[in-house]
Amino acid sequence: MVEAALFSAAKPVTVADLKDASGLDARTIRSALKNLMDEYNDSDRAIEIAKMGPRYAMQVKKDYASPAAKLAELKIPKDVLKTASLIAYYQPVLQSKLSDLLGSKVYAHVRTLEDLGLIRRKPRMNSVELSTTKKFIETFGIDARSRGEVKAWIEGELSKKKGASSK
């Protein structure tokens, strides 16, 4: 039942969400999640059960993401992803600073990211302060609960890519 709920969910879910959906007790759900994570993550399957803070999701493993992405609809334009990553890394960051880095296109990118619910805007001085939302963390499968953890995750991913490219 827990596996079916994870597969059917359109977003990462909490133990409480699974409890409400299934009627099972939290202990049973946690045990099922652990078993499913062991089963999926320690196999040659293309699917894994990922933990993102207090939430769980069934998703495509990174090794298979590129071929699978060719069939999936890209909802975030690639040029907007660069802006999103800069916001995530430097948050909270002023929109005017991003404009200095990326030019005027940043305003359209920020609008797109805000429409997708990935960032929030807060007026500050003569600009707008930008930071990521919980949906950002869920969308990109980041195991983080704070801005600092998001930055650390990005740094970890960058160092993995640098290590892989130097081999």
Protein backbone atom coordinates (compact mmCIF):
# COMPACT_ATOMS: atom_id res chain seq x y z
CA MET A 1 0.00 0.00 0.00
CA VAL A 2 2.85 2.41 0.84
CA GLU A 3 4.58 1.59 -2.45
CA ALA A 4 1.36 2.27 -4.39
CA ALA A 5 0.87 5.57 -2.59
CA LEU A 6 4.45 6.69 -3.36
CA PHE A 7 4.07 5.71 -7.00
CA SER A 8 0.75 7.54 -7.32
CA ALA A 9 1.76 10.70 -5.49
CA ALA A 10 2.48 13.67 -7.73
CA LYS A 11 4.86 15.11 -5.11
CA PRO A 12 7.00 13.99 -2.16
CA VAL A 13 4.86 12.90 0.80
CA THR A 14 5.28 12.68 4.57
CA VAL A 15 4.61 9.73 6.86
CA ALA A 16 1.48 11.61 8.00
CA ASP A 17 0.31 11.90 4.36
CA LEU A 18 0.80 8.16 3.92
CA LYS A 19 -0.99 7.47 7.20
CA ASP A 20 -3.99 9.56 6.11
CA ALA A 21 -4.09 7.87 2.70
CA SER A 22 -3.62 4.28 3.88
CA GLY A 23 -5.00 4.12 7.40
CA LEU A 24 -1.81 2.36 8.51
CA ASP A 25 0.00 3.39 11.68
CA ALA A 26 3.19 5.50 11.46
CA ARG A 27 5.44 2.68 12.70
CA THR A 28 4.22 0.31 9.96
CA ILE A 29 4.69 3.04 7.35
CA ARG A 30 8.24 3.84 8.49
CA SER A 31 9.10 0.13 8.41
CA ALA A 32 7.61 -0.20 4.91
CA LEU A 33 9.53 2.89 3.75
CA LYS A 34 12.81 1.47 5.06
CA ASN A 35 12.16 -1.87 3.35
CA LEU A 36 11.19 -0.18 0.09
CA MET A 37 14.26 2.09 0.20
CA ASP A 38 16.52 -0.94 0.77
CA GLU A 39 14.82 -2.90 -2.01
CA TYR A 40 14.80 -0.13 -4.61
CA ASN A 41 18.03 1.66 -3.79
CA ASP A 42 20.24 -1.44 -3.50
CA SER A 43 19.18 -2.92 -6.83
CA ASP A 44 19.85 -2.33 -10.51
CA ARG A 45 16.43 -0.73 -10.87
CA ALA A 46 16.11 2.70 -12.46
CA ILE A 47 13.74 3.82 -9.71
CA GLU A 48 14.61 4.76 -6.13
CA ILE A 49 12.81 5.88 -3.02
CA ALA A 50 14.38 9.22 -2.01
CA LYS A 51 14.12 10.99 1.34
CA MET A 52 13.88 14.78 1.10
CA GLY A 53 13.81 16.19 4.59
CA PRO A 54 10.67 14.72 6.17
CA ARG A 55 9.21 13.67 2.80
CA TYR A 56 9.63 10.61 0.59
CA ALA A 57 9.30 10.22 -3.16
CA MET A 58 9.62 7.54 -5.79
CA GLN A 59 11.84 8.92 -8.53
CA VAL A 60 14.22 8.02 -11.36
CA LYS A 61 17.81 7.39 -10.19
CA LYS A 62 20.35 9.98 -11.35
CA ASP A 63 22.16 7.45 -13.57
CA TYR A 64 18.95 7.03 -15.58
CA ALA A 65 17.69 10.60 -15.41
CA SER A 66 19.22 11.78 -18.68
CA PRO A 67 17.69 9.11 -20.94
CA ALA A 68 14.38 9.31 -19.07
CA ALA A 69 14.33 13.11 -19.36
CA LYS A 70 14.21 12.80 -23.15
CA LEU A 71 10.72 11.36 -22.74
CA ALA A 72 9.63 13.65 -19.92
CA GLU A 73 8.28 17.12 -20.49
CA LEU A 74 10.76 19.81 -19.39
CA LYS A 75 8.73 22.32 -17.44
CA ILE A 76 11.59 24.68 -16.58
CA PRO A 77 13.49 26.22 -19.49
CA LYS A 78 17.24 25.58 -19.29
CA ASP A 79 18.18 29.26 -19.15
CA VAL A 80 15.81 29.72 -16.21
CA LEU A 81 17.55 26.83 -14.39
CA LYS A 82 20.76 28.87 -14.23
CA THR A 83 18.89 31.70 -12.53
CA ALA A 84 17.24 29.20 -10.15
CA SER A 85 20.59 27.71 -9.18
CA LEU A 86 22.07 31.15 -8.49
CA ILE A 87 19.10 32.07 -6.31
CA ALA A 88 19.40 28.77 -4.42
CA TYR A 89 23.13 29.15 -3.89
CA TYR A 90 23.22 32.82 -2.86
CA GLN A 91 19.85 33.08 -1.11
CA PRO A 92 18.61 35.35 0.12
CA VAL A 93 19.79 37.39 -2.86
CA LEU A 94 18.64 40.72 -4.22
CA GLN A 95 17.10 40.64 -7.67
CA SER A 96 19.21 43.70 -8.56
CA LYS A 97 22.41 41.67 -7.85
CA LEU A 98 21.19 38.89 -10.16
CA SER A 99 20.42 41.50 -12.79
CA ASP A 100 24.03 42.71 -12.53
CA LEU A 101 25.21 39.12 -13.11
CA LEU A 102 22.75 37.96 -15.76
CA GLY A 103 21.25 41.06 -17.31
CA SER A 104 17.65 42.13 -17.70
CA LYS A 105 16.47 38.63 -18.66
CA VAL A 106 16.57 37.82 -14.93
CA TYR A 107 13.25 39.63 -14.41
CA ALA A 108 11.42 37.24 -16.76
CA HIS A 109 13.23 34.26 -15.19
CA VAL A 110 12.18 35.35 -11.69
CA ARG A 111 8.58 35.71 -12.88
CA THR A 112 8.68 32.18 -14.33
CA LEU A 113 10.20 30.70 -11.17
CA GLU A 114 7.68 32.51 -8.99
CA ASP A 115 4.78 31.32 -11.20
CA LEU A 116 6.07 27.75 -10.74
CA GLY A 117 6.14 28.28 -6.97
CA LEU A 118 9.89 27.62 -6.78
CA ILE A 119 10.94 30.97 -5.32
CA ARG A 120 9.46 33.69 -3.15
CA ARG A 121 9.92 37.44 -3.45
CA LYS A 122 10.09 39.90 -0.59
CA PRO A 123 10.47 43.68 -1.04
CA ARG A 124 13.79 44.90 0.35
CA MET A 125 15.26 48.39 -0.01
CA ASN A 126 14.95 49.40 -3.69
CA SER A 127 14.91 45.80 -4.88
CA VAL A 128 13.35 42.43 -4.15
CA GLU A 129 14.92 39.69 -2.04
CA LEU A 130 14.67 36.21 -3.55
CA SER A 131 14.80 32.83 -1.85
CA THR A 132 13.72 29.28 -2.62
CA THR A 133 10.54 27.59 -1.41
CA LYS A 134 9.78 24.12 -0.09
CA LYS A 135 8.50 23.28 -3.58
CA PHE A 136 11.98 24.11 -4.97
CA ILE A 137 13.54 21.56 -2.62
CA GLU A 138 10.93 18.95 -3.56
CA THR A 139 11.12 19.62 -7.30
CA PHE A 140 14.88 19.14 -7.44
CA GLY A 141 14.95 16.27 -4.94
CA ILE A 142 17.22 18.03 -2.46
CA ASP A 143 17.56 16.47 0.99
CA ALA A 144 17.50 19.77 2.86
CA ARG A 145 15.45 21.70 5.38
CA SER A 146 17.25 25.06 5.38
CA ARG A 147 18.90 27.54 3.03
CA GLY A 148 22.31 26.47 4.31
CA GLU A 149 21.56 22.82 3.55
CA VAL A 150 20.44 23.74 0.01
CA LYS A 151 23.74 25.58 -0.55
CA ALA A 152 25.71 22.64 0.88
CA TRP A 153 23.83 20.24 -1.42
CA ILE A 154 24.65 22.41 -4.47
CA GLU A 155 28.32 22.55 -3.45
CA GLY A 156 28.34 18.76 -3.06
CA GLU A 157 26.82 18.26 -6.51
CA LEU A 158 29.35 20.67 -8.05
CA SER A 159 32.28 18.90 -6.41
CA LYS A 160 30.96 15.52 -7.67
CA LYS A 161 30.82 16.89 -11.22
CA LYS A 162 34.33 18.37 -10.93
CA GLY A 163 35.64 15.06 -9.58
CA ALA A 164 33.96 13.13 -12.36
CA SER A 165 35.26 15.45 -15.10
CA SER A 166 38.84 15.23 -13.83
CA LYS A 167 38.85 11.41 -14.02
